[in-house]
Amino acid sequence: MPDPNMKSFMRGAVILTVAAIFVKVLSAVYRVPFQNIVGDVGFYIYQQVYPFYGISVALSTYGFPVMISKLVAERKGHPTDLREIIRVSFYVISTAGGFLFILLFFGAERMANGMGDPLLAPLIQLSAFSFLLMPFLTVWRGAYQGLGDMVPTAVSQSGEQLVRVVFILLFAYILIRNEFSLYVTGAGALAGSLMGSLAGIFVLWLYMRRRPLGAREEPAAAQVNRKELIRSLVYRGTAICLASMMLVLMQLMDSFHLYSGLIHAGVNEWEAKVAKGIYDRGQPLLQLGTVVAASLSLTLVPLVTAAYKKQLPKEVDQAIQLALKVSFTISFAAAVGIINIMKPLNSMLFENYDGSDVLSVFCLSIIFSSVILTLSGILQGIGEDFTPAIAVIAGLLFKWAGNYLLIPVYGTMGAAVSTVAALAGIALFLALKIRIKLKTKYLHGYFMAKVLFSASCMTVLLRIWILLSSSFITGMIGNERLQMVMITCSSVFVGAFVFIYVIVKLKLFTDDELRQIPFGSKLEKLSRKIR
């Protein structure tokens, strides 16, 4: 008979996974119309400051709420302790948020100068206000998750992102149409982001009225050790946050290094801003390429955790291999597919081919970031919270050195190479740690050969299809961007079909493995038909 608690847990995990996919896809997609509205320089302005807001989102969505939910889950059934955890957590997060607000608001001018663009200072100050809203989002989400109620978190995340995207695009359109400067438009976009955060708080407040957290009366003193609670939030919470902020911290490093590096290399200000804006086109591609692979593989992490707690090394090994198989296969296919169709894709989304070579190299990050998120999830699932944080710090130092050495010589290509190299180093570090800790076997060479063969088949047929469809479609349709839409969309369908067909024919995943993957039952039926 299935365990009802496990069934409830898996249902909650699915709810959060679906919400996370929706949020990440929307976060990537809105950047395309936004860039089309404001252009490459306007995109540069927004992306220079976005990482500050992105850090607050990571802290209030994937960082501290995870730690708070663990603390609440451990004291589930003790209402007085729950209220104490919420109270202490709110004080700690408020202190952290206040400190970050002060750091950004009063240090904005120095940071903008460090980026090489003093006009960014007011935008950095505006982004600082997101940290004042962080305690409400963080503590309430973490508390509900710890009680096993994932719906408030999922709804608030989805509502926050939806409102944010609507207001960003609305403000950008109105300000550009009324001929305000691109810096004012960037400030409007950040204001739209803050509107999203307020919407997320409002949704959680509505749930708080309907489902209050903790007991209204305190019949006994709380049994929670405050010092231990604060220590867990500060140390373990920060470690989890660092792992969740990996990509946005990489973006922040590029904000400080790339534009200023191009200026020092002799590029004029306008061209440097355009170059940085074109380079930033890679961010939505990275997010879209990573989201499915990481989300599907992370749903398998509870299998690793459960087997590890029961001390079943064989099952742990099998669960890790399956998670890595899913992560690597999907991310590798996404990266290779995007690289093959980069020119028409770039033109379809951003109106020209500029920077396609740089973006192709940058998109190799999809593979490593997906694997890193999977490996980090596995390590955190077995109690190794600090290892991913150490790996991220080491990766950031490597990224800093790479930017310092490569950007003056190779420009945006140097920044792309340093990002890929840093992520590869983090992935290798985490893989070695899991190898040492769990003595697990990694993906066999035979499996890797099958993936490479499948990607090669997809590449060959995609190249042929793009060549044939380009001559056919351009003869039928006069509008160049519509041509790129037709070529890109048809290429995505062809590439996905070929890759899935080949991996099914090669039996890359067994039927038993497919049953454990979300939506794998449909793939299992498809594989039987193909075979």
Protein backbone atom coordinates (compact mmCIF):
# COMPACT_ATOMS: atom_id res chain seq x y z
CA MET A 1 0.00 0.00 0.00
CA PRO A 2 1.52 3.37 -1.01
CA ASP A 3 2.65 5.70 1.76
CA PRO A 4 0.14 8.61 1.89
CA ASN A 5 2.85 10.98 3.19
CA MET A 6 5.12 10.15 0.25
CA LYS A 7 2.20 10.54 -2.15
CA SER A 8 1.43 13.98 -0.69
CA PHE A 9 5.11 14.93 -0.87
CA MET A 10 5.39 13.90 -4.52
CA ARG A 11 2.20 15.83 -5.35
CA GLY A 12 3.67 18.93 -3.71
CA ALA A 13 6.95 18.42 -5.58
CA VAL A 14 5.06 18.22 -8.89
CA ILE A 15 3.12 21.43 -8.06
CA LEU A 16 6.34 23.31 -7.30
CA THR A 17 8.07 21.86 -10.38
CA VAL A 18 5.27 22.97 -12.70
CA ALA A 19 5.26 26.44 -11.10
CA ALA A 20 9.05 26.65 -11.40
CA ILE A 21 8.93 25.71 -15.09
CA PHE A 22 6.21 28.30 -15.73
CA VAL A 23 8.18 31.01 -13.89
CA LYS A 24 11.49 30.22 -15.62
CA VAL A 25 9.97 29.98 -19.08
CA LEU A 26 8.16 33.29 -18.58
CA SER A 27 11.37 34.83 -17.21
CA ALA A 28 13.19 33.85 -20.40
CA VAL A 29 10.44 34.62 -22.89
CA TYR A 30 9.63 38.19 -21.80
CA ARG A 31 13.20 39.28 -22.55
CA VAL A 32 12.58 38.80 -26.27
CA PRO A 33 9.76 41.37 -26.69
CA PHE A 34 11.53 43.61 -24.17
CA GLN A 35 14.69 43.63 -26.32
CA ASN A 36 12.57 44.24 -29.41
CA ILE A 37 11.03 47.30 -27.71
CA VAL A 38 14.19 48.87 -26.26
CA GLY A 39 16.91 47.59 -28.64
CA ASP A 40 20.36 46.23 -27.75
CA VAL A 41 21.46 49.31 -25.78
CA GLY A 42 18.24 49.36 -23.77
CA PHE A 43 18.69 45.62 -23.15
CA TYR A 44 22.26 46.28 -21.99
CA ILE A 45 21.01 48.86 -19.46
CA TYR A 46 18.41 46.50 -18.01
CA GLN A 47 20.71 43.48 -17.93
CA GLN A 48 23.47 45.45 -16.19
CA VAL A 49 21.23 46.01 -13.17
CA TYR A 50 18.96 42.94 -13.37
CA PRO A 51 21.37 40.66 -11.42
CA PHE A 52 20.74 42.68 -8.25
CA TYR A 53 17.02 42.04 -8.52
CA GLY A 54 17.75 38.45 -9.59
CA ILE A 55 19.68 37.89 -6.36
CA SER A 56 16.68 38.98 -4.29
CA VAL A 57 14.46 36.61 -6.31
CA ALA A 58 16.85 33.71 -5.76
CA LEU A 59 17.02 34.42 -2.03
CA SER A 60 13.23 34.64 -1.65
CA THR A 61 12.37 31.72 -3.93
CA TYR A 62 15.08 29.05 -4.01
CA GLY A 63 17.41 29.96 -1.16
CA PHE A 64 16.17 30.76 2.33
CA PRO A 65 12.64 29.29 1.87
CA VAL A 66 14.25 25.85 1.44
CA MET A 67 16.09 26.18 4.73
CA ILE A 68 13.04 27.55 6.55
CA SER A 69 10.87 24.73 5.17
CA LYS A 70 13.35 22.17 6.56
CA LEU A 71 13.24 23.78 10.00
CA VAL A 72 9.44 23.93 9.98
CA ALA A 73 9.12 20.33 8.77
CA GLU A 74 11.29 19.13 11.67
CA ARG A 75 8.89 20.76 14.19
CA LYS A 76 5.66 19.96 12.36
CA GLY A 77 2.85 19.38 14.83
CA HIS A 78 4.24 21.89 17.33
CA PRO A 79 2.37 25.17 16.67
CA THR A 80 4.26 27.14 19.31
CA ASP A 81 7.61 26.13 17.82
CA LEU A 82 6.32 27.02 14.37
CA ARG A 83 5.49 30.56 15.46
CA GLU A 84 8.94 30.90 17.04
CA ILE A 85 10.65 29.69 13.85
CA ILE A 86 8.63 32.17 11.79
CA ARG A 87 9.41 35.02 14.20
CA VAL A 88 13.16 34.37 14.35
CA SER A 89 13.37 33.71 10.60
CA PHE A 90 11.63 37.00 9.90
CA TYR A 91 14.10 38.90 12.10
CA VAL A 92 17.12 37.21 10.48
CA ILE A 93 15.91 37.70 6.88
CA SER A 94 14.86 41.29 7.63
CA THR A 95 18.33 42.02 8.95
CA ALA A 96 19.95 40.47 5.87
CA GLY A 97 17.55 42.30 3.55
CA GLY A 98 18.12 45.61 5.31
CA PHE A 99 21.89 45.20 5.12
CA LEU A 100 21.73 44.43 1.36
CA PHE A 101 19.40 47.40 0.82
CA ILE A 102 21.82 49.77 2.55
CA LEU A 103 24.76 48.27 0.66
CA LEU A 104 23.10 48.78 -2.73
CA PHE A 105 21.26 52.05 -2.12
CA PHE A 106 24.18 53.97 -0.64
CA GLY A 107 26.84 52.17 -2.66
CA ALA A 108 25.03 52.51 -5.99
CA GLU A 109 27.26 55.29 -7.31
CA ARG A 110 30.43 53.36 -6.55
CA MET A 111 29.02 50.19 -8.14
CA ALA A 112 27.90 52.07 -11.25
CA ASN A 113 31.38 53.56 -11.57
CA GLY A 114 32.81 50.07 -11.16
CA MET A 115 30.69 48.96 -14.10
CA GLY A 116 32.00 51.89 -16.11
CA ASP A 117 28.60 53.56 -16.49
CA PRO A 118 27.71 56.17 -13.81
CA LEU A 119 24.21 56.63 -15.28
CA LEU A 120 23.27 53.21 -13.87
CA ALA A 121 23.37 54.46 -10.24
CA PRO A 122 19.64 55.40 -9.95
CA LEU A 123 18.65 52.01 -11.39
CA ILE A 124 20.81 50.19 -8.85
CA GLN A 125 19.18 52.21 -6.07
CA LEU A 126 15.74 51.26 -7.36
CA SER A 127 16.66 47.56 -7.44
CA ALA A 128 17.72 47.81 -3.78
CA PHE A 129 14.08 48.09 -2.67
CA SER A 130 13.48 44.45 -3.68
CA PHE A 131 15.51 43.36 -0.64
CA LEU A 132 13.09 45.15 1.72
CA LEU A 133 10.26 42.97 0.36
CA MET A 134 12.28 39.77 0.67
CA PRO A 135 11.38 38.79 4.29
CA PHE A 136 7.65 38.45 3.57
CA LEU A 137 8.15 36.33 0.45
CA THR A 138 10.87 34.20 2.03
CA VAL A 139 9.39 33.37 5.43
CA TRP A 140 5.79 32.79 4.34
CA ARG A 141 6.82 30.57 1.42
CA GLY A 142 9.22 28.57 3.56
CA ALA A 143 6.64 28.08 6.33
CA TYR A 144 3.94 26.80 3.99
CA GLN A 145 6.39 24.49 2.23
CA GLY A 146 7.53 23.08 5.56
CA LEU A 147 3.91 22.29 6.44
CA GLY A 148 3.56 20.39 3.16
CA ASP A 149 1.31 23.01 1.54
CA MET A 150 3.00 23.88 -1.76
CA VAL A 151 0.05 25.70 -3.34
CA PRO A 152 0.66 29.15 -1.75
CA THR A 153 4.28 29.11 -2.90
CA ALA A 154 3.39 27.96 -6.40
CA VAL A 155 0.57 30.49 -6.83
CA SER A 156 2.62 33.38 -5.40
CA GLN A 157 5.62 32.58 -7.62
CA SER A 158 3.44 32.33 -10.73
CA GLY A 159 1.45 35.46 -9.87
CA GLU A 160 4.60 37.41 -9.05
CA GLN A 161 6.22 36.53 -12.38
CA LEU A 162 3.08 37.15 -14.43
CA VAL A 163 2.49 40.62 -12.93
CA ARG A 164 6.19 41.42 -13.25
CA VAL A 165 6.35 40.56 -16.95
CA VAL A 166 3.14 42.47 -17.76
CA PHE A 167 4.33 45.65 -16.04
CA ILE A 168 7.88 45.45 -17.42
CA LEU A 169 6.62 45.26 -21.00
CA LEU A 170 3.86 47.81 -20.39
CA PHE A 171 6.18 50.39 -18.81
CA ALA A 172 8.84 49.83 -21.47
CA TYR A 173 6.34 50.29 -24.31
CA ILE A 174 4.81 53.46 -22.81
CA LEU A 175 8.15 55.08 -21.98
CA ILE A 176 9.74 54.34 -25.36
CA ARG A 177 6.62 55.51 -27.20
CA ASN A 178 6.75 58.80 -25.27
CA GLU A 179 10.44 59.17 -26.15
CA PHE A 180 11.90 58.88 -22.66
CA SER A 181 15.59 57.96 -22.42
CA LEU A 182 16.69 54.32 -22.37
CA TYR A 183 17.90 54.74 -18.77
CA VAL A 184 14.46 55.96 -17.67
CA THR A 185 12.96 53.01 -19.53
CA GLY A 186 15.32 50.67 -17.66
CA ALA A 187 14.14 52.20 -14.38
CA GLY A 188 10.55 51.63 -15.48
CA ALA A 189 11.32 47.96 -16.13
CA LEU A 190 12.80 47.61 -12.63
CA ALA A 191 9.70 49.29 -11.20
CA GLY A 192 7.66 46.65 -13.00
CA SER A 193 9.75 43.98 -11.29
CA LEU A 194 8.96 45.51 -7.89
CA MET A 195 5.25 45.43 -8.80
CA GLY A 196 5.65 41.69 -9.29
CA SER A 197 7.18 41.26 -5.84
CA LEU A 198 4.31 43.20 -4.27
CA ALA A 199 1.84 40.96 -6.12
CA GLY A 200 3.60 37.87 -4.71
CA ILE A 201 3.30 39.28 -1.17
CA PHE A 202 -0.38 40.08 -1.71
CA VAL A 203 -1.11 36.50 -2.83
CA LEU A 204 0.65 35.08 0.25
CA TRP A 205 -1.22 37.52 2.49
CA LEU A 206 -4.52 36.23 1.10
CA TYR A 207 -3.48 32.67 1.95
CA MET A 208 -2.38 33.82 5.42
CA ARG A 209 -5.90 35.12 6.08
CA ARG A 210 -7.45 31.82 4.99
CA ARG A 211 -4.82 29.47 6.44
CA PRO A 212 -3.04 31.15 9.39
CA LEU A 213 0.41 29.85 10.24
CA GLY A 214 0.80 28.46 13.75
CA ALA A 215 -1.45 28.58 16.79
CA ARG A 216 -3.13 31.79 17.90
CA GLU A 217 -2.50 30.92 21.53
CA GLU A 218 0.77 29.84 23.09
CA PRO A 219 0.00 27.39 25.90
CA ALA A 220 3.65 26.53 26.43
CA ALA A 221 7.09 27.97 25.89
CA ALA A 222 8.69 27.25 22.54
CA GLN A 223 11.19 24.38 22.51
CA VAL A 224 13.27 25.84 19.69
CA ASN A 225 16.90 26.71 20.38
CA ARG A 226 17.14 30.28 19.03
CA LYS A 227 20.92 30.28 18.68
CA GLU A 228 20.87 27.01 16.76
CA LEU A 229 18.02 28.31 14.60
CA ILE A 230 19.89 31.52 13.75
CA ARG A 231 23.06 29.55 13.07
CA SER A 232 21.22 27.22 10.67
CA LEU A 233 19.61 30.12 8.82
CA VAL A 234 22.84 32.08 8.51
CA TYR A 235 25.26 29.30 7.60
CA ARG A 236 23.22 26.54 5.94
CA GLY A 237 20.75 29.04 4.48
CA THR A 238 23.55 31.09 2.93
CA ALA A 239 25.13 27.94 1.50
CA ILE A 240 21.86 26.94 -0.19
CA CYS A 241 21.41 30.50 -1.46
CA LEU A 242 24.85 30.57 -3.06
CA ALA A 243 24.10 27.41 -5.01
CA SER A 244 20.77 28.81 -6.21
CA MET A 245 22.37 32.11 -7.28
CA MET A 246 25.11 30.59 -9.46
CA LEU A 247 23.90 31.86 -12.84
CA VAL A 248 22.79 35.29 -11.64
CA LEU A 249 26.18 35.79 -9.93
CA MET A 250 27.87 34.92 -13.23
CA GLN A 251 25.70 37.60 -14.86
CA LEU A 252 26.68 40.08 -12.15
CA MET A 253 30.35 39.41 -12.80
CA ASP A 254 29.83 40.14 -16.50
CA SER A 255 28.02 43.35 -15.54
CA PHE A 256 31.14 44.57 -13.78
CA HIS A 257 33.69 43.23 -16.26
CA LEU A 258 32.39 43.14 -19.83
CA TYR A 259 31.37 46.72 -20.67
CA SER A 260 34.24 48.29 -18.72
CA GLY A 261 36.65 45.75 -20.24
CA LEU A 262 35.55 46.65 -23.76
CA ILE A 263 36.00 50.37 -22.99
CA HIS A 264 39.52 49.75 -21.67
CA ALA A 265 40.26 47.73 -24.82
CA GLY A 266 39.52 50.81 -26.92
CA VAL A 267 35.91 50.18 -27.99
CA ASN A 268 33.76 53.34 -28.00
CA GLU A 269 30.93 53.61 -25.47
CA TRP A 270 28.01 53.08 -27.85
CA GLU A 271 29.57 50.03 -29.55
CA ALA A 272 30.47 48.55 -26.17
CA LYS A 273 26.88 48.94 -24.96
CA VAL A 274 25.56 47.32 -28.15
CA ALA A 275 28.06 44.46 -27.82
CA LYS A 276 27.04 43.83 -24.19
CA GLY A 277 23.34 43.95 -25.17
CA ILE A 278 23.95 41.38 -27.93
CA TYR A 279 25.91 39.17 -25.51
CA ASP A 280 22.99 39.33 -23.06
CA ARG A 281 20.74 37.72 -25.68
CA GLY A 282 22.27 34.47 -24.49
CA GLN A 283 20.54 34.66 -21.09
CA PRO A 284 17.00 33.73 -22.27
CA LEU A 285 18.50 31.00 -24.47
CA LEU A 286 20.38 29.61 -21.47
CA GLN A 287 17.25 29.69 -19.30
CA LEU A 288 15.05 28.01 -21.90
CA GLY A 289 17.67 25.35 -22.60
CA THR A 290 18.22 24.60 -18.91
CA VAL A 291 14.71 24.71 -17.51
CA VAL A 292 13.33 21.40 -18.82
CA ALA A 293 16.49 19.36 -18.24
CA ALA A 294 17.01 20.66 -14.70
CA SER A 295 13.34 20.49 -13.70
CA LEU A 296 12.88 16.90 -14.86
CA SER A 297 16.14 15.65 -13.35
CA LEU A 298 15.51 17.40 -10.00
CA THR A 299 12.20 15.55 -9.62
CA LEU A 300 14.35 12.40 -9.30
CA VAL A 301 16.46 13.78 -6.42
CA PRO A 302 13.93 12.62 -3.74
CA LEU A 303 14.60 9.06 -4.95
CA VAL A 304 18.29 9.57 -4.18
CA THR A 305 17.52 11.05 -0.76
CA ALA A 306 15.12 8.26 0.19
CA ALA A 307 17.55 5.52 -0.86
CA TYR A 308 20.43 7.26 0.94
CA LYS A 309 18.50 7.50 4.21
CA LYS A 310 17.61 3.80 3.97
CA GLN A 311 21.29 3.00 3.30
CA LEU A 312 20.65 1.29 -0.03
CA PRO A 313 23.83 2.04 -2.05
CA LYS A 314 22.69 0.20 -5.19
CA GLU A 315 19.43 2.17 -5.34
CA VAL A 316 21.33 5.42 -4.65
CA ASP A 317 23.65 4.67 -7.55
CA GLN A 318 20.77 3.87 -9.90
CA ALA A 319 18.83 7.03 -8.94
CA ILE A 320 21.89 9.26 -9.42
CA GLN A 321 22.64 7.71 -12.80
CA LEU A 322 19.04 8.19 -13.94
CA ALA A 323 19.00 11.84 -12.83
CA LEU A 324 22.28 12.49 -14.66
CA LYS A 325 21.07 10.62 -17.74
CA VAL A 326 17.99 12.81 -17.97
CA SER A 327 19.89 16.04 -17.26
CA PHE A 328 22.74 15.36 -19.68
CA THR A 329 20.61 13.97 -22.52
CA ILE A 330 18.06 16.79 -22.59
CA SER A 331 20.58 19.60 -22.01
CA PHE A 332 23.00 18.22 -24.62
CA ALA A 333 20.22 17.94 -27.18
CA ALA A 334 19.01 21.48 -26.35
CA ALA A 335 22.50 22.99 -26.61
CA VAL A 336 23.38 21.22 -29.88
CA GLY A 337 19.95 22.00 -31.36
CA ILE A 338 20.14 25.71 -30.47
CA ILE A 339 23.69 25.99 -31.83
CA ASN A 340 22.61 24.42 -35.14
CA ILE A 341 19.74 26.86 -35.63
CA MET A 342 21.43 29.87 -34.00
CA LYS A 343 21.42 32.21 -37.00
CA PRO A 344 17.72 31.89 -37.91
CA LEU A 345 16.80 31.73 -34.19
CA ASN A 346 18.80 34.88 -33.41
CA SER A 347 17.23 36.70 -36.33
CA MET A 348 13.71 35.50 -35.44
CA LEU A 349 13.96 36.59 -31.81
CA PHE A 350 16.18 39.66 -32.01
CA GLU A 351 15.79 40.85 -35.61
CA ASN A 352 19.39 40.23 -36.81
CA TYR A 353 22.22 37.67 -36.82
CA ASP A 354 24.61 39.77 -34.72
CA GLY A 355 26.70 37.82 -32.23
CA SER A 356 25.60 34.36 -33.40
CA ASP A 357 29.09 32.87 -32.98
CA VAL A 358 29.43 34.24 -29.45
CA LEU A 359 25.93 33.07 -28.53
CA SER A 360 26.69 29.58 -29.90
CA VAL A 361 29.69 29.26 -27.59
CA PHE A 362 27.71 30.73 -24.67
CA CYS A 363 24.95 28.14 -25.19
CA LEU A 364 27.37 25.34 -24.27
CA SER A 365 26.63 26.59 -20.75
CA ILE A 366 23.25 24.85 -21.02
CA ILE A 367 24.92 21.44 -20.64
CA PHE A 368 27.04 22.31 -17.62
CA SER A 369 24.44 24.42 -15.80
CA SER A 370 21.85 21.62 -16.08
CA VAL A 371 24.31 19.03 -14.74
CA ILE A 372 25.38 21.40 -11.93
CA LEU A 373 21.79 21.97 -10.79
CA THR A 374 21.23 18.20 -10.74
CA LEU A 375 24.44 17.44 -8.85
CA SER A 376 23.76 20.27 -6.36
CA GLY A 377 20.26 18.93 -5.75
CA ILE A 378 21.68 15.46 -5.07
CA LEU A 379 24.29 16.77 -2.63
CA GLN A 380 21.77 18.95 -0.78
CA GLY A 381 19.42 15.97 -0.65
CA ILE A 382 22.00 13.95 1.30
CA GLY A 383 22.87 16.81 3.67
CA GLU A 384 25.91 18.23 1.82
CA ASP A 385 24.68 21.83 1.72
CA PHE A 386 28.10 23.46 1.80
CA THR A 387 29.77 21.59 -1.07
CA PRO A 388 27.75 23.27 -3.88
CA ALA A 389 28.39 26.66 -2.26
CA ILE A 390 32.16 26.04 -2.17
CA ALA A 391 32.03 24.93 -5.82
CA VAL A 392 30.15 28.09 -6.83
CA ILE A 393 32.66 30.34 -5.01
CA ALA A 394 35.55 28.56 -6.75
CA GLY A 395 33.72 28.85 -10.09
CA LEU A 396 33.17 32.58 -9.60
CA LEU A 397 36.87 33.10 -8.90
CA PHE A 398 37.66 31.17 -12.08
CA LYS A 399 35.13 33.28 -14.00
CA TRP A 400 36.71 36.48 -12.64
CA ALA A 401 40.18 35.36 -13.76
CA GLY A 402 38.84 34.30 -17.16
CA ASN A 403 37.12 37.65 -17.70
CA TYR A 404 40.25 39.53 -16.65
CA LEU A 405 42.45 37.60 -19.11
CA LEU A 406 40.11 37.03 -22.06
CA ILE A 407 37.81 40.07 -22.39
CA PRO A 408 40.57 42.58 -23.27
CA VAL A 409 41.75 40.27 -26.07
CA TYR A 410 38.61 38.52 -27.32
CA GLY A 411 35.79 40.79 -26.14
CA THR A 412 32.38 39.16 -25.74
CA MET A 413 33.76 35.83 -26.99
CA GLY A 414 36.17 35.89 -24.05
CA ALA A 415 33.29 36.42 -21.63
CA ALA A 416 31.38 33.50 -23.19
CA VAL A 417 34.40 31.18 -22.99
CA SER A 418 35.10 32.12 -19.36
CA THR A 419 31.46 31.38 -18.43
CA VAL A 420 31.53 27.94 -20.07
CA ALA A 421 34.91 27.11 -18.53
CA ALA A 422 33.80 28.20 -15.04
CA LEU A 423 30.61 26.13 -15.23
CA ALA A 424 32.57 23.11 -16.50
CA GLY A 425 34.90 23.44 -13.53
CA ILE A 426 31.99 23.59 -11.06
CA ALA A 427 30.40 20.51 -12.64
CA LEU A 428 33.68 18.58 -12.41
CA PHE A 429 34.17 19.58 -8.76
CA LEU A 430 30.66 18.41 -7.79
CA ALA A 431 30.98 15.19 -9.77
CA LEU A 432 34.23 14.32 -8.00
CA LYS A 433 32.66 15.07 -4.61
CA ILE A 434 29.74 12.72 -5.28
CA ARG A 435 32.16 10.10 -6.58
CA ILE A 436 34.19 10.28 -3.36
CA LYS A 437 31.17 10.55 -1.04
CA LEU A 438 28.92 7.87 -2.53
CA LYS A 439 31.34 5.78 -4.64
CA THR A 440 28.79 6.05 -7.42
CA LYS A 441 29.42 5.08 -11.04
CA TYR A 442 28.95 7.75 -13.66
CA LEU A 443 27.51 7.59 -17.13
CA HIS A 444 29.05 4.78 -19.16
CA GLY A 445 31.00 5.48 -22.33
CA TYR A 446 28.45 3.41 -24.27
CA PHE A 447 25.66 5.71 -23.10
CA MET A 448 27.68 8.82 -23.98
CA ALA A 449 28.38 7.41 -27.44
CA LYS A 450 24.66 6.91 -28.01
CA VAL A 451 23.92 10.51 -27.03
CA LEU A 452 26.68 11.83 -29.27
CA PHE A 453 25.46 9.68 -32.18
CA SER A 454 21.89 10.92 -31.68
CA ALA A 455 23.06 14.55 -31.59
CA SER A 456 25.18 13.96 -34.72
CA CYS A 457 22.19 12.57 -36.61
CA MET A 458 20.15 15.58 -35.51
CA THR A 459 22.93 17.96 -36.61
CA VAL A 460 23.28 16.43 -40.08
CA LEU A 461 19.55 16.43 -40.79
CA LEU A 462 19.10 19.93 -39.33
CA ARG A 463 21.82 21.32 -41.58
CA ILE A 464 20.22 19.69 -44.62
CA TRP A 465 16.75 20.88 -43.59
CA ILE A 466 17.88 24.49 -42.99
CA LEU A 467 19.64 24.55 -46.36
CA LEU A 468 16.61 23.19 -48.24
CA SER A 469 13.94 25.11 -46.30
CA SER A 470 15.85 28.41 -46.62
CA SER A 471 15.77 28.32 -50.42
CA PHE A 472 12.16 27.10 -50.46
CA ILE A 473 10.72 29.49 -47.84
CA THR A 474 12.59 32.59 -49.02
CA GLY A 475 11.09 32.04 -52.46
CA MET A 476 7.57 31.93 -51.04
CA ILE A 477 7.64 34.61 -48.29
CA GLY A 478 8.89 38.16 -48.79
CA ASN A 479 9.14 39.25 -45.13
CA GLU A 480 12.59 38.29 -43.82
CA ARG A 481 11.60 37.90 -40.17
CA LEU A 482 8.64 35.71 -41.08
CA GLN A 483 11.06 33.60 -43.12
CA MET A 484 13.21 33.12 -40.02
CA VAL A 485 10.12 32.20 -37.97
CA MET A 486 9.17 29.49 -40.46
CA ILE A 487 12.71 28.14 -40.73
CA THR A 488 13.32 28.15 -36.96
CA CYS A 489 10.00 26.59 -35.92
CA SER A 490 10.19 23.86 -38.55
CA SER A 491 13.83 23.18 -37.59
CA VAL A 492 12.89 22.79 -33.92
CA PHE A 493 10.26 20.21 -34.87
CA VAL A 494 12.64 18.34 -37.20
CA GLY A 495 15.50 18.35 -34.69
CA ALA A 496 13.35 17.18 -31.78
CA PHE A 497 11.75 14.45 -33.86
CA VAL A 498 15.08 13.11 -35.14
CA PHE A 499 16.74 13.14 -31.72
CA ILE A 500 13.82 11.44 -29.94
CA TYR A 501 13.49 8.86 -32.73
CA VAL A 502 17.19 7.94 -32.59
CA ILE A 503 17.44 7.69 -28.78
CA VAL A 504 14.33 5.50 -28.73
CA LYS A 505 15.73 3.22 -31.45
CA LEU A 506 19.01 3.00 -29.52
CA LYS A 507 17.11 2.25 -26.27
CA LEU A 508 18.93 5.04 -24.43
CA PHE A 509 16.44 4.69 -21.54
CA THR A 510 14.90 1.43 -20.40
CA ASP A 511 11.13 1.16 -19.96
CA ASP A 512 11.63 1.03 -16.19
CA GLU A 513 13.64 4.26 -16.29
CA LEU A 514 11.01 5.97 -18.42
CA ARG A 515 8.32 5.12 -15.84
CA GLN A 516 10.25 7.05 -13.17
CA ILE A 517 10.56 10.22 -15.25
CA PRO A 518 7.70 12.76 -15.24
CA PHE A 519 5.66 12.28 -18.44
CA GLY A 520 7.82 9.21 -19.10
CA SER A 521 4.77 6.97 -19.56
CA LYS A 522 3.97 8.83 -22.80
CA LEU A 523 7.54 8.37 -23.99
CA GLU A 524 7.29 4.70 -23.09
CA LYS A 525 4.21 4.28 -25.30
CA LEU A 526 5.91 6.23 -28.09
CA SER A 527 9.04 4.09 -27.84
CA ARG A 528 7.01 0.91 -28.19
CA LYS A 529 5.37 2.24 -31.35
CA ILE A 530 8.71 3.29 -32.85
CA ARG A 531 10.35 -0.03 -32.00
